[in-house]
Structure formats: structure tokens, C-alpha cells
Amino acid sequence: MSQFQNITTSSIIFLLTGVPGLEDFHTWISIPFCLLYITALSGNSMILFAIVTRPSLHKPMYYFLSMLSTTDLGLSISTLITMLGVFWFNAREISFNACSSQMFFIQLFTVMESSVLLAMAFDRFVAISNPLRYASILTDLKIAQIGVAIITRGTLILTPMVALLKRLSYCRSHVLHHSYCFHPDVMKLSCTDTRVNSAIGLTALITTAGVDLIFIVLSYLLIIKTVLSIASPEERKKAFSTCISHIGAVAVFYIPLISLSFVHRFGKRAPAYIHTMIANTYLLIPPVMNPIIYSVKTKQIRRAVIKILHSKIT
């Protein structure tokens, strides 16, 4: 049995898929994807550089934004090589170990992004409800501890989910339905019982993104309650305006995630390329949109980015 498991895991080769039915147009399809990757990598790198080099941005809100940009960079890099490799060079083969590693990092950065969005919601709640103690509550040490907790949480939850794939036997087709390794996609290729894997995967989703979304909603209910207690309409407007960027980031993360879940559950009759495009969008939209949202809606970030661009041009 151990020899059989070795053959079906360590030595197995999966075949990645681009956009089913549109293989002849992969070169053209790769152009918008390439532009999205360039936007995501350059935008998040610029925000990170601005926060690191500008002392005026060394505040809790921007530290959390730097965490968000880091997770977006990690998420983009995790899929970049295989996705563009499939579209440009038809490089479809990927070993089981490489597939497991990619799967782990995609899931890890996704969980980290959800956790960072929750931390940012807490940051906005503290800033609005208790502004005088904001700096004393969210100290540099506390923010560092939150960052470590986010990484530890994701690692502990996802390691069993990915590790348990090695116990499965893969005697069916080895063709994956995405241009990267996706946990449910790999699991479906197994010819052994996957109920434990499914249960752990569902538990991981519920205890991360599900729980985070509930607490984000609760945070905003408390924020709304606090803001409505403010007498001045101008102060209410100012308080709400500090949350607009974060609300946008939450929307661009959770709406594609929920859409992907609905398509996988209820869109089984939809063309295969619809599933693929939505799955690719789910991974690319947050890294692309977050830098744009914060650059447009946050005056301090916008000024810092403009100064960086101006200095490079001059």
C-alpha cells in the first residue's frame, strides 16, 4: 500500500487547463490577464513602498494596509507562473508536490486576506468609537502580534487540509479544470473516499472567511451605532468616509468568493469556461482593485503614490 501511495502522490503529474473551449485564443486571453498581473504587482508594491518610506504613514491603519498589500502580492505571485505558463507556453504539467505547495499558498494568502480585512474592521471601530485611546490600544507591538496570529491561524488550519490529500489515490483523469491547483478540483480526481477531506475543507472555509465576515458585519453594526450617536452631521460624514476604502476592499474580496461558490453549486450546466473565468477573477480582482480603491479614496495614500510617481518621472 505504501508503494502504491507513493506512485499515486509523489510521482503523479497533474495537467492544468487554460480556458476550456477557447484554447485557440489563449494568446489573446493572456493579454488582459497579463495586464491585471502587472497592475496588481505594481500597485501593491507601490503602496508598500509608500508606507515603508513615508514616516507620516507609520500609523496602525496603514500598517494593516501594508499587510493587505503583502497578502495581495503573495496571492498574485502564487498563481502567476502556472497561469501565464499555460496561456503562453502550454506548460500544463505540474507535479503533485508542486501542486500541493501552490494550493497551500493560494489558500494561505486567501485566509490571510480575510483575516487582515477583519483586523482592519477592528481598527476602524477603535478609531471611531475610542479615538483618544486609538494609538494606545493599537500599538506597534499589538499590530505585530496580530500579524503573527494571522499567519499562524492560516498555517494551522490549512496544513491538515493539504496534507490529507496525500492519503488519497488518484486513479482517475489527472486533468485539472483550472490553470492553478485548487483544493476541490484536486480532490475530485481521487477514486477513494474524500468525505474527510471535504469536511475539513468546509470547516476551514467556515472558520476563516465565514467567521471573519460575521465579525466584520458586527464591527460595522457597532460603527454605525457609534456614528449615529454623533450629533454633528459633518462629523458623521467624516467618520463614515474613513470606512469607505475598507468597505470596498471587503466587497471585492467577498463578492467574487460568494459568486464562485454559487457557480460551483448551482451552475453545473454553465459552460466550463464560465467556471474558469470566475475562478480566475476571484483570485485576481482583489489584488488589482485594492491598490486602486485605497489610492482613490485615501488622501494620504494618493498623495504618497503621486509623489513616488512624480519622483520617478523627474
Protein backbone atom coordinates (compact mmCIF):
# COMPACT_ATOMS: atom_id res chain seq x y z
CA MET A 1 0.00 0.00 0.00
CA SER A 2 2.80 2.45 0.84
CA GLN A 3 4.38 1.79 -2.56
CA PHE A 4 1.01 2.34 -4.25
CA GLN A 5 0.51 5.60 -2.34
CA ASN A 6 3.99 6.75 -3.38
CA ILE A 7 3.08 6.16 -7.03
CA THR A 8 -0.22 7.97 -6.73
CA THR A 9 1.10 11.04 -4.92
CA SER A 10 4.81 11.85 -5.11
CA SER A 11 5.19 10.64 -8.70
CA ILE A 12 1.86 11.83 -10.05
CA ILE A 13 1.68 14.55 -12.69
CA PHE A 14 -1.41 16.74 -12.99
CA LEU A 15 -2.37 18.60 -16.16
CA LEU A 16 -3.50 22.20 -15.77
CA THR A 17 -6.17 23.69 -18.04
CA GLY A 18 -6.48 27.16 -19.50
CA VAL A 19 -9.94 28.21 -20.65
CA PRO A 20 -11.82 25.11 -21.89
CA GLY A 21 -13.16 25.51 -25.41
CA LEU A 22 -11.08 28.62 -26.08
CA GLU A 23 -7.64 27.03 -26.41
CA ASP A 24 -7.08 28.67 -29.82
CA PHE A 25 -7.44 32.09 -28.21
CA HIS A 26 -5.14 31.55 -25.23
CA THR A 27 -2.58 34.05 -26.51
CA TRP A 28 -5.22 36.76 -26.77
CA ILE A 29 -6.81 35.82 -23.45
CA SER A 30 -3.41 36.08 -21.78
CA ILE A 31 -3.16 39.81 -22.63
CA PRO A 32 -5.81 41.05 -20.17
CA PHE A 33 -4.56 38.59 -17.55
CA CYS A 34 -1.02 39.87 -18.02
CA LEU A 35 -2.23 43.47 -17.64
CA LEU A 36 -4.10 42.52 -14.47
CA TYR A 37 -0.96 40.91 -13.01
CA ILE A 38 1.14 43.97 -13.87
CA THR A 39 -1.45 46.22 -12.21
CA ALA A 40 -1.65 44.04 -9.11
CA LEU A 41 2.11 43.68 -8.65
CA SER A 42 2.98 47.31 -9.38
CA GLY A 43 0.05 48.77 -7.43
CA ASN A 44 0.61 46.75 -4.26
CA SER A 45 4.39 47.21 -4.44
CA MET A 46 3.92 50.97 -4.74
CA ILE A 47 1.62 51.10 -1.70
CA LEU A 48 4.09 49.02 0.33
CA PHE A 49 6.96 51.26 -0.72
CA ALA A 50 4.96 54.39 0.14
CA ILE A 51 4.08 53.11 3.62
CA VAL A 52 7.64 51.98 4.37
CA THR A 53 9.34 55.18 3.18
CA ARG A 54 6.83 57.81 4.40
CA PRO A 55 7.01 58.40 8.20
CA SER A 56 3.62 60.13 8.06
CA LEU A 57 2.09 56.76 7.12
CA HIS A 58 3.56 54.89 10.08
CA LYS A 59 0.17 54.52 11.74
CA PRO A 60 -1.98 51.47 12.59
CA MET A 61 -4.38 51.94 9.66
CA TYR A 62 -1.52 51.95 7.15
CA TYR A 63 0.29 49.06 8.83
CA PHE A 64 -2.83 46.97 8.26
CA LEU A 65 -2.98 48.25 4.68
CA SER A 66 0.63 47.09 4.19
CA MET A 67 -0.43 43.63 5.41
CA LEU A 68 -3.26 43.65 2.87
CA SER A 69 -0.88 44.62 0.06
CA THR A 70 1.56 41.88 1.13
CA THR A 71 -1.16 39.21 1.01
CA ASP A 72 -2.31 40.51 -2.39
CA LEU A 73 1.26 40.28 -3.71
CA GLY A 74 1.57 36.75 -2.35
CA LEU A 75 -1.76 35.72 -3.90
CA SER A 76 -0.76 37.13 -7.29
CA ILE A 77 2.69 35.52 -7.29
CA SER A 78 1.20 32.15 -6.23
CA THR A 79 -0.76 31.85 -9.48
CA LEU A 80 1.37 33.92 -11.85
CA ILE A 81 3.80 31.25 -13.07
CA THR A 82 1.33 28.47 -13.80
CA MET A 83 -1.41 30.69 -15.23
CA LEU A 84 0.79 32.54 -17.71
CA GLY A 85 2.75 29.34 -18.36
CA VAL A 86 -0.43 27.63 -19.54
CA PHE A 87 -1.57 30.59 -21.67
CA TRP A 88 1.82 31.43 -23.20
CA PHE A 89 3.71 28.14 -23.47
CA ASN A 90 1.02 25.48 -22.97
CA ALA A 91 3.07 24.32 -19.94
CA ARG A 92 0.35 22.20 -18.38
CA GLU A 93 2.27 19.63 -16.35
CA ILE A 94 2.69 20.09 -12.60
CA SER A 95 3.88 17.52 -10.05
CA PHE A 96 1.82 16.59 -7.02
CA ASN A 97 4.27 18.24 -4.60
CA ALA A 98 4.39 21.46 -6.62
CA CYS A 99 0.61 21.39 -6.89
CA SER A 100 0.24 20.90 -3.12
CA SER A 101 2.62 23.78 -2.42
CA GLN A 102 0.79 26.13 -4.77
CA MET A 103 -2.55 25.08 -3.33
CA PHE A 104 -1.33 25.73 0.22
CA PHE A 105 -0.04 29.23 -0.54
CA ILE A 106 -3.15 30.21 -2.53
CA GLN A 107 -5.35 29.14 0.38
CA LEU A 108 -2.99 30.66 2.95
CA PHE A 109 -2.94 34.11 1.34
CA THR A 110 -6.71 33.94 0.85
CA VAL A 111 -7.23 33.19 4.56
CA MET A 112 -4.71 35.87 5.49
CA GLU A 113 -6.55 38.44 3.37
CA SER A 114 -9.81 37.61 5.10
CA SER A 115 -8.10 37.91 8.49
CA VAL A 116 -6.48 41.23 7.58
CA LEU A 117 -9.86 42.62 6.49
CA LEU A 118 -11.24 41.64 9.89
CA ALA A 119 -8.30 43.34 11.63
CA MET A 120 -8.91 46.46 9.54
CA ALA A 121 -12.58 46.45 10.58
CA PHE A 122 -11.48 46.33 14.22
CA ASP A 123 -9.06 49.17 13.51
CA ARG A 124 -11.87 51.35 12.11
CA PHE A 125 -14.11 50.51 15.09
CA VAL A 126 -11.45 51.55 17.60
CA ALA A 127 -10.62 54.71 15.62
CA ILE A 128 -14.27 55.82 15.56
CA SER A 129 -15.53 54.64 18.94
CA ASN A 130 -12.47 55.50 21.03
CA PRO A 131 -10.25 57.94 19.09
CA LEU A 132 -8.43 59.27 22.17
CA ARG A 133 -7.10 55.81 23.05
CA TYR A 134 -6.61 54.66 19.44
CA ALA A 135 -2.80 54.87 19.49
CA SER A 136 -2.52 53.32 22.95
CA ILE A 137 -4.77 50.36 22.03
CA LEU A 138 -3.22 49.59 18.63
CA THR A 139 0.46 49.86 19.49
CA ASP A 140 3.22 48.65 17.18
CA LEU A 141 3.66 45.56 19.37
CA LYS A 142 -0.05 44.77 19.26
CA ILE A 143 -0.12 45.11 15.46
CA ALA A 144 2.92 42.82 15.15
CA GLN A 145 1.17 40.25 17.36
CA ILE A 146 -1.95 40.45 15.19
CA GLY A 147 0.21 39.86 12.10
CA VAL A 148 1.84 36.78 13.65
CA ALA A 149 -1.57 35.48 14.76
CA ILE A 150 -2.92 35.86 11.20
CA ILE A 151 -0.07 33.81 9.72
CA THR A 152 -0.24 31.18 12.49
CA ARG A 153 -4.00 30.83 12.18
CA GLY A 154 -3.88 30.24 8.43
CA THR A 155 -0.99 27.78 8.67
CA LEU A 156 -2.57 25.67 11.42
CA ILE A 157 -5.96 25.49 9.69
CA LEU A 158 -4.70 24.76 6.17
CA THR A 159 -1.82 22.35 6.80
CA PRO A 160 -4.09 19.34 7.63
CA MET A 161 -6.35 20.13 4.65
CA VAL A 162 -3.46 19.99 2.17
CA ALA A 163 -1.56 17.19 3.93
CA LEU A 164 -4.57 14.86 3.86
CA LEU A 165 -4.58 14.93 0.05
CA LYS A 166 -1.52 12.65 0.17
CA ARG A 167 -3.58 9.82 1.63
CA LEU A 168 -5.82 9.75 -1.45
CA SER A 169 -5.35 7.59 -4.53
CA TYR A 170 -5.57 9.31 -7.92
CA CYS A 171 -6.56 6.69 -10.46
CA ARG A 172 -8.94 8.84 -12.50
CA SER A 173 -8.13 11.54 -15.02
CA HIS A 174 -5.27 13.78 -13.91
CA VAL A 175 -6.64 16.82 -15.77
CA LEU A 176 -7.42 19.78 -13.52
CA HIS A 177 -10.03 22.33 -14.56
CA HIS A 178 -8.03 25.47 -13.71
CA SER A 179 -4.66 26.97 -14.60
CA TYR A 180 -3.62 26.60 -10.95
CA CYS A 181 -4.15 23.97 -8.24
CA PHE A 182 -7.50 24.37 -6.49
CA HIS A 183 -8.31 22.13 -3.50
CA PRO A 184 -11.81 20.96 -4.58
CA ASP A 185 -10.52 20.44 -8.13
CA VAL A 186 -7.70 18.13 -7.00
CA MET A 187 -9.96 16.31 -4.56
CA LYS A 188 -12.47 15.43 -7.30
CA LEU A 189 -9.78 13.44 -9.16
CA SER A 190 -9.47 10.93 -6.33
CA CYS A 191 -11.00 7.47 -6.63
CA THR A 192 -11.01 6.96 -2.84
CA ASP A 193 -13.35 8.29 -0.15
CA THR A 194 -12.95 12.06 0.17
CA ARG A 195 -15.58 12.75 2.84
CA VAL A 196 -12.94 13.57 5.47
CA ASN A 197 -11.17 15.94 3.06
CA SER A 198 -14.47 17.61 2.14
CA ALA A 199 -15.41 18.05 5.79
CA ILE A 200 -12.03 19.56 6.66
CA GLY A 201 -12.14 21.85 3.62
CA LEU A 202 -15.65 23.07 4.52
CA THR A 203 -14.61 23.53 8.15
CA ALA A 204 -11.59 25.57 7.08
CA LEU A 205 -13.78 27.81 4.90
CA ILE A 206 -16.37 28.36 7.63
CA THR A 207 -13.85 29.00 10.41
CA THR A 208 -11.91 31.52 8.33
CA ALA A 209 -13.83 33.51 5.73
CA GLY A 210 -17.23 32.68 7.23
CA VAL A 211 -16.36 33.68 10.78
CA ASP A 212 -14.39 36.72 9.60
CA LEU A 213 -17.33 38.01 7.56
CA ILE A 214 -19.67 37.69 10.54
CA PHE A 215 -17.32 39.69 12.77
CA ILE A 216 -16.76 42.29 10.03
CA VAL A 217 -20.54 42.80 9.80
CA LEU A 218 -20.78 43.03 13.60
CA SER A 219 -17.95 45.58 13.64
CA TYR A 220 -19.80 47.77 11.16
CA LEU A 221 -23.05 47.49 13.10
CA LEU A 222 -21.17 48.83 16.13
CA ILE A 223 -19.53 51.51 13.96
CA ILE A 224 -22.93 52.62 12.62
CA LYS A 225 -24.34 52.73 16.16
CA THR A 226 -21.38 54.87 17.29
CA VAL A 227 -21.57 57.22 14.30
CA LEU A 228 -25.32 57.75 14.68
CA SER A 229 -24.73 58.88 18.25
CA ILE A 230 -22.56 61.74 16.97
CA ALA A 231 -24.53 64.98 16.96
CA SER A 232 -22.79 66.85 14.14
CA PRO A 233 -23.72 65.75 10.57
CA GLU A 234 -20.27 66.82 9.38
CA GLU A 235 -18.56 64.60 11.94
CA ARG A 236 -20.81 61.70 10.95
CA LYS A 237 -19.87 62.15 7.31
CA LYS A 238 -16.18 62.34 8.20
CA ALA A 239 -16.40 59.19 10.34
CA PHE A 240 -18.16 57.22 7.61
CA SER A 241 -15.69 58.44 4.96
CA THR A 242 -12.82 56.73 6.79
CA CYS A 243 -14.55 53.37 6.23
CA ILE A 244 -15.30 53.65 2.50
CA SER A 245 -11.99 52.18 1.33
CA HIS A 246 -12.26 49.23 3.70
CA ILE A 247 -15.87 48.54 2.68
CA GLY A 248 -14.71 48.50 -0.95
CA ALA A 249 -11.91 46.04 -0.12
CA VAL A 250 -14.37 43.77 1.70
CA ALA A 251 -16.74 43.87 -1.29
CA VAL A 252 -14.09 43.00 -3.91
CA PHE A 253 -12.93 40.06 -1.76
CA TYR A 254 -16.23 38.51 -0.67
CA ILE A 255 -18.43 39.12 -3.74
CA PRO A 256 -16.19 37.06 -6.11
CA LEU A 257 -15.80 34.41 -3.38
CA ILE A 258 -19.57 34.09 -2.94
CA SER A 259 -20.10 34.18 -6.72
CA LEU A 260 -17.61 31.33 -7.19
CA SER A 261 -19.38 29.28 -4.51
CA PHE A 262 -22.77 29.80 -6.19
CA VAL A 263 -21.41 28.89 -9.63
CA HIS A 264 -19.83 25.67 -8.33
CA ARG A 265 -23.05 24.74 -6.51
CA PHE A 266 -25.80 25.89 -8.87
CA GLY A 267 -24.10 26.49 -12.23
CA LYS A 268 -23.21 22.94 -13.17
CA ARG A 269 -24.89 23.35 -16.56
CA ALA A 270 -22.97 26.51 -17.34
CA PRO A 271 -20.14 26.25 -19.92
CA ALA A 272 -16.80 25.17 -18.47
CA TYR A 273 -15.14 28.45 -19.44
CA ILE A 274 -17.58 30.34 -17.17
CA HIS A 275 -16.32 28.41 -14.12
CA THR A 276 -12.71 29.02 -15.15
CA MET A 277 -13.12 32.75 -15.78
CA ILE A 278 -14.93 33.33 -12.47
CA ALA A 279 -12.29 31.33 -10.58
CA ASN A 280 -9.50 33.38 -12.19
CA THR A 281 -11.39 36.60 -11.49
CA TYR A 282 -11.83 35.59 -7.84
CA LEU A 283 -8.05 35.40 -7.42
CA LEU A 284 -7.14 38.47 -9.48
CA ILE A 285 -9.78 41.09 -8.70
CA PRO A 286 -8.85 41.78 -5.02
CA PRO A 287 -5.09 42.28 -5.72
CA VAL A 288 -5.92 44.54 -8.67
CA MET A 289 -8.71 46.58 -7.08
CA ASN A 290 -7.38 47.11 -3.54
CA PRO A 291 -4.50 49.46 -4.56
CA ILE A 292 -6.88 51.39 -6.82
CA ILE A 293 -9.53 51.73 -4.10
CA TYR A 294 -7.07 52.94 -1.47
CA SER A 295 -5.25 55.25 -3.88
CA VAL A 296 -8.51 56.89 -4.97
CA LYS A 297 -10.34 57.01 -1.62
CA THR A 298 -7.49 57.62 0.85
CA LYS A 299 -5.96 61.07 0.50
CA GLN A 300 -2.70 60.25 2.30
CA ILE A 301 -2.05 57.16 0.15
CA ARG A 302 -2.96 59.05 -3.01
CA ARG A 303 -0.53 61.86 -2.20
CA ALA A 304 2.26 59.40 -1.37
CA VAL A 305 1.74 57.43 -4.61
CA ILE A 306 1.67 60.65 -6.67
CA LYS A 307 4.94 61.79 -5.06
CA ILE A 308 6.57 58.44 -5.85
CA LEU A 309 5.40 58.56 -9.48
CA HIS A 310 6.48 62.19 -9.81
CA SER A 311 9.95 61.44 -8.42
CA LYS A 312 10.38 58.53 -10.85
CA ILE A 313 9.32 60.66 -13.82
CA THR A 314 11.62 63.56 -12.87
